[in-house]
Every structure is written in C-alpha cells, then in structure tokens.
C-alpha cells in the first residue's frame, strides 16, 4: 500500500460541528482588526493610509465571505439533523 493511501486511511473525518462557532470568532476578530486599523488610519498619511484603506477593504470582503460561509454551515448542520 502506498504511503498516500495509508495516510488517507487514517485521516480524520470531516468534522464540521464547530465550524459556525469558529467562523463567528474569525468574523469578530476581523471586525476588531478593521476597527483598530481605522483608528490607526486617523494618524496616518499618504501611502501608509492608502495601505490601511486597501487592507480594510479586503477585510470587509473577507467578513462578507465568512458570513456567507456561516450561513452555508448553519444550513449544513440543520440538514444533518433531519
């Protein structure tokens, strides 16, 4: 048996039971980082300020993606209970 097949044989099953909680925590952390960066931006100028603006835009996009994933995971958990 190849090493890869052995590893697959012993791989942990997909445990999605706490994904919603983990994602919610990630959203909260990202919001806190966004807010802290916004506060820092008030004291920044030029390129540094633009970098913060750009990063916060990416953070907002990530928050939206994580919220969509939370909805998907919640649906998955609900479907598993049926």
N, C-alpha and C. Protein backbone atom coordinates (compact mmCIF):
# COMPACT_ATOMS: atom_id res chain seq x y z
N UNK A 1 0.86 -1.18 0.00
CA UNK A 1 0.00 0.00 0.00
C UNK A 1 0.90 1.24 0.00
N UNK A 2 0.56 2.21 -0.84
CA UNK A 2 1.37 3.41 -0.92
C UNK A 2 1.22 4.26 0.34
N UNK A 3 2.20 5.12 0.58
CA UNK A 3 2.17 6.00 1.76
C UNK A 3 0.95 6.89 1.72
N UNK A 4 0.60 7.38 0.54
CA UNK A 4 -0.55 8.28 0.41
C UNK A 4 -1.85 7.56 0.81
N UNK A 5 -2.01 6.33 0.34
CA UNK A 5 -3.21 5.58 0.69
C UNK A 5 -3.25 5.30 2.19
N UNK A 6 -2.09 5.02 2.78
CA UNK A 6 -2.05 4.81 4.22
C UNK A 6 -2.50 6.06 4.95
N UNK A 7 -2.01 7.21 4.53
CA UNK A 7 -2.39 8.48 5.18
C UNK A 7 -3.88 8.74 5.01
N UNK A 8 -4.42 8.46 3.84
CA UNK A 8 -5.85 8.66 3.62
C UNK A 8 -6.67 7.73 4.50
N UNK A 9 -6.17 6.55 4.70
CA UNK A 9 -6.87 5.56 5.50
C UNK A 9 -7.01 6.03 6.95
N UNK A 10 -6.02 6.75 7.45
CA UNK A 10 -6.02 7.20 8.83
C UNK A 10 -6.41 8.66 9.00
N UNK A 11 -6.78 9.31 7.93
CA UNK A 11 -7.16 10.72 8.00
C UNK A 11 -8.41 10.89 8.85
N UNK A 12 -8.45 12.01 9.55
CA UNK A 12 -9.62 12.31 10.37
C UNK A 12 -10.82 12.62 9.48
N UNK A 13 -11.99 12.18 9.88
CA UNK A 13 -13.18 12.51 9.09
C UNK A 13 -13.46 14.01 9.17
N UNK A 14 -14.20 14.51 8.21
CA UNK A 14 -14.54 15.92 8.15
C UNK A 14 -15.49 16.26 9.30
N UNK A 15 -14.99 16.96 10.30
CA UNK A 15 -15.80 17.35 11.45
C UNK A 15 -16.18 18.81 11.32
N UNK A 16 -17.41 19.06 10.92
CA UNK A 16 -17.88 20.42 10.70
C UNK A 16 -18.72 20.92 11.86
N UNK A 17 -18.73 20.20 12.97
CA UNK A 17 -19.65 20.51 14.06
C UNK A 17 -19.42 21.87 14.69
N UNK A 18 -18.18 22.36 14.67
CA UNK A 18 -17.92 23.65 15.30
C UNK A 18 -17.49 24.73 14.31
N UNK A 19 -17.72 24.50 13.03
CA UNK A 19 -17.32 25.47 12.02
C UNK A 19 -18.03 26.81 12.19
N UNK A 20 -19.31 26.80 12.52
CA UNK A 20 -20.06 28.05 12.68
C UNK A 20 -19.43 28.88 13.79
N UNK A 21 -19.12 28.24 14.91
CA UNK A 21 -18.52 28.97 16.02
C UNK A 21 -17.15 29.52 15.66
N UNK A 22 -16.34 28.72 14.98
CA UNK A 22 -15.02 29.18 14.56
C UNK A 22 -15.13 30.35 13.59
N UNK A 23 -16.04 30.24 12.64
CA UNK A 23 -16.22 31.33 11.68
C UNK A 23 -16.71 32.60 12.35
N UNK A 24 -17.63 32.46 13.31
CA UNK A 24 -18.12 33.63 14.02
C UNK A 24 -16.99 34.32 14.79
N UNK A 25 -16.12 33.53 15.38
CA UNK A 25 -14.98 34.09 16.10
C UNK A 25 -14.04 34.80 15.12
N UNK A 26 -13.84 34.21 13.95
CA UNK A 26 -12.99 34.83 12.93
C UNK A 26 -13.59 36.16 12.47
N UNK A 27 -14.91 36.21 12.31
CA UNK A 27 -15.57 37.46 11.91
C UNK A 27 -15.33 38.52 12.98
N UNK A 28 -15.53 38.15 14.24
CA UNK A 28 -15.34 39.10 15.34
C UNK A 28 -13.90 39.62 15.38
N UNK A 29 -12.93 38.72 15.22
CA UNK A 29 -11.52 39.12 15.21
C UNK A 29 -11.22 40.07 14.05
N UNK A 30 -11.78 39.77 12.89
CA UNK A 30 -11.53 40.61 11.72
C UNK A 30 -12.17 41.98 11.89
N UNK A 31 -13.35 42.02 12.49
CA UNK A 31 -14.00 43.31 12.76
C UNK A 31 -13.15 44.13 13.74
N UNK A 32 -12.62 43.48 14.77
CA UNK A 32 -11.76 44.19 15.71
C UNK A 32 -10.51 44.73 15.03
N UNK A 33 -9.91 43.93 14.15
CA UNK A 33 -8.74 44.39 13.40
C UNK A 33 -9.08 45.56 12.49
N UNK A 34 -10.23 45.48 11.85
CA UNK A 34 -10.69 46.55 10.97
C UNK A 34 -10.86 47.85 11.77
N UNK A 35 -11.50 47.75 12.91
CA UNK A 35 -11.73 48.94 13.75
C UNK A 35 -10.42 49.52 14.27
N UNK A 36 -9.49 48.66 14.68
CA UNK A 36 -8.20 49.13 15.15
C UNK A 36 -7.43 49.82 14.03
N UNK A 37 -7.48 49.25 12.85
CA UNK A 37 -6.81 49.87 11.70
C UNK A 37 -7.45 51.21 11.35
N UNK A 38 -8.76 51.28 11.46
CA UNK A 38 -9.46 52.55 11.20
C UNK A 38 -8.98 53.62 12.18
N UNK A 39 -8.82 53.25 13.45
CA UNK A 39 -8.32 54.20 14.44
C UNK A 39 -6.89 54.64 14.10
N UNK A 40 -6.07 53.69 13.70
CA UNK A 40 -4.69 53.99 13.32
C UNK A 40 -4.63 54.89 12.10
N UNK A 41 -5.56 54.68 11.19
CA UNK A 41 -5.58 55.44 9.93
C UNK A 41 -5.71 56.94 10.19
N UNK A 42 -6.36 57.32 11.28
CA UNK A 42 -6.55 58.73 11.59
C UNK A 42 -5.21 59.44 11.79
N UNK A 43 -4.17 58.68 12.15
CA UNK A 43 -2.86 59.25 12.39
C UNK A 43 -1.88 58.95 11.26
N UNK A 44 -2.38 58.43 10.15
CA UNK A 44 -1.53 58.03 9.03
C UNK A 44 -1.74 58.98 7.86
N UNK A 45 -0.74 58.99 7.00
CA UNK A 45 -0.82 59.83 5.80
C UNK A 45 -0.27 59.07 4.60
N UNK A 46 -0.60 59.56 3.44
CA UNK A 46 -0.02 59.07 2.19
C UNK A 46 -0.18 57.58 1.96
N UNK A 47 0.96 56.96 1.63
CA UNK A 47 0.96 55.54 1.25
C UNK A 47 0.51 54.65 2.41
N UNK A 48 0.92 54.98 3.64
CA UNK A 48 0.52 54.18 4.80
C UNK A 48 -0.99 54.20 4.96
N UNK A 49 -1.58 55.36 4.78
CA UNK A 49 -3.04 55.48 4.90
C UNK A 49 -3.73 54.68 3.80
N UNK A 50 -3.20 54.75 2.59
CA UNK A 50 -3.79 54.01 1.48
C UNK A 50 -3.69 52.51 1.69
N UNK A 51 -2.58 52.06 2.27
CA UNK A 51 -2.42 50.63 2.57
C UNK A 51 -3.47 50.17 3.57
N UNK A 52 -3.74 51.00 4.57
CA UNK A 52 -4.77 50.66 5.56
C UNK A 52 -6.14 50.61 4.90
N UNK A 53 -6.42 51.57 4.04
CA UNK A 53 -7.71 51.59 3.31
C UNK A 53 -7.86 50.32 2.49
N UNK A 54 -6.80 49.97 1.76
CA UNK A 54 -6.85 48.76 0.91
C UNK A 54 -7.03 47.50 1.75
N UNK A 55 -6.31 47.42 2.86
CA UNK A 55 -6.41 46.22 3.70
C UNK A 55 -7.79 46.13 4.34
N UNK A 56 -8.33 47.28 4.76
CA UNK A 56 -9.68 47.24 5.34
C UNK A 56 -10.73 46.83 4.32
N UNK A 57 -10.52 47.20 3.07
CA UNK A 57 -11.44 46.76 2.02
C UNK A 57 -11.39 45.24 1.90
N UNK A 58 -10.18 44.69 1.94
CA UNK A 58 -10.05 43.23 1.88
C UNK A 58 -10.66 42.57 3.11
N UNK A 59 -10.51 43.21 4.26
CA UNK A 59 -11.13 42.69 5.48
C UNK A 59 -12.65 42.65 5.34
N UNK A 60 -13.23 43.72 4.80
CA UNK A 60 -14.68 43.76 4.62
C UNK A 60 -15.14 42.65 3.67
N UNK A 61 -14.35 42.42 2.61
CA UNK A 61 -14.68 41.34 1.69
C UNK A 61 -14.60 39.98 2.39
N UNK A 62 -13.59 39.81 3.23
CA UNK A 62 -13.44 38.56 3.98
C UNK A 62 -14.60 38.36 4.95
N UNK A 63 -15.00 39.43 5.61
CA UNK A 63 -16.13 39.35 6.55
C UNK A 63 -17.38 38.89 5.81
N UNK A 64 -17.65 39.47 4.65
CA UNK A 64 -18.82 39.07 3.87
C UNK A 64 -18.73 37.60 3.46
N UNK A 65 -17.54 37.17 3.03
CA UNK A 65 -17.36 35.77 2.63
C UNK A 65 -17.56 34.83 3.82
N UNK A 66 -17.02 35.21 4.98
CA UNK A 66 -17.17 34.37 6.17
C UNK A 66 -18.63 34.30 6.61
N UNK A 67 -19.34 35.41 6.51
CA UNK A 67 -20.76 35.40 6.87
C UNK A 67 -21.55 34.49 5.95
N UNK A 68 -21.21 34.49 4.66
CA UNK A 68 -21.87 33.57 3.73
C UNK A 68 -21.54 32.12 4.09
N UNK A 69 -20.30 31.88 4.48
CA UNK A 69 -19.90 30.53 4.88
C UNK A 69 -20.63 30.10 6.15
N UNK A 70 -20.84 31.04 7.07
CA UNK A 70 -21.60 30.74 8.29
C UNK A 70 -23.00 30.29 7.92
N UNK A 71 -23.64 30.99 6.99
CA UNK A 71 -24.98 30.61 6.55
C UNK A 71 -24.97 29.21 5.95
N UNK A 72 -23.97 28.93 5.11
CA UNK A 72 -23.86 27.60 4.49
C UNK A 72 -23.67 26.51 5.55
N UNK A 73 -22.79 26.78 6.50
CA UNK A 73 -22.53 25.80 7.55
C UNK A 73 -23.76 25.58 8.42
N UNK A 74 -24.48 26.65 8.73
CA UNK A 74 -25.70 26.53 9.53
C UNK A 74 -26.73 25.68 8.79
N UNK A 75 -26.85 25.91 7.48
CA UNK A 75 -27.76 25.09 6.67
C UNK A 75 -27.33 23.63 6.69
N UNK A 76 -26.02 23.40 6.56
CA UNK A 76 -25.50 22.03 6.56
C UNK A 76 -25.82 21.34 7.89
N UNK A 77 -25.60 22.05 9.00
CA UNK A 77 -25.88 21.47 10.31
C UNK A 77 -27.37 21.17 10.45
N UNK A 78 -28.20 22.07 9.96
CA UNK A 78 -29.65 21.88 10.04
C UNK A 78 -30.06 20.66 9.20
N UNK A 79 -29.47 20.53 8.02
CA UNK A 79 -29.78 19.38 7.15
C UNK A 79 -29.35 18.07 7.80
N UNK A 80 -28.25 18.10 8.55
CA UNK A 80 -27.76 16.88 9.20
C UNK A 80 -28.70 16.42 10.31
N UNK A 81 -29.44 17.33 10.88
CA UNK A 81 -30.36 16.99 11.97
C UNK A 81 -31.65 16.36 11.45
N UNK A 82 -31.93 16.51 10.18
CA UNK A 82 -33.16 15.97 9.61
C UNK A 82 -33.08 14.50 9.38
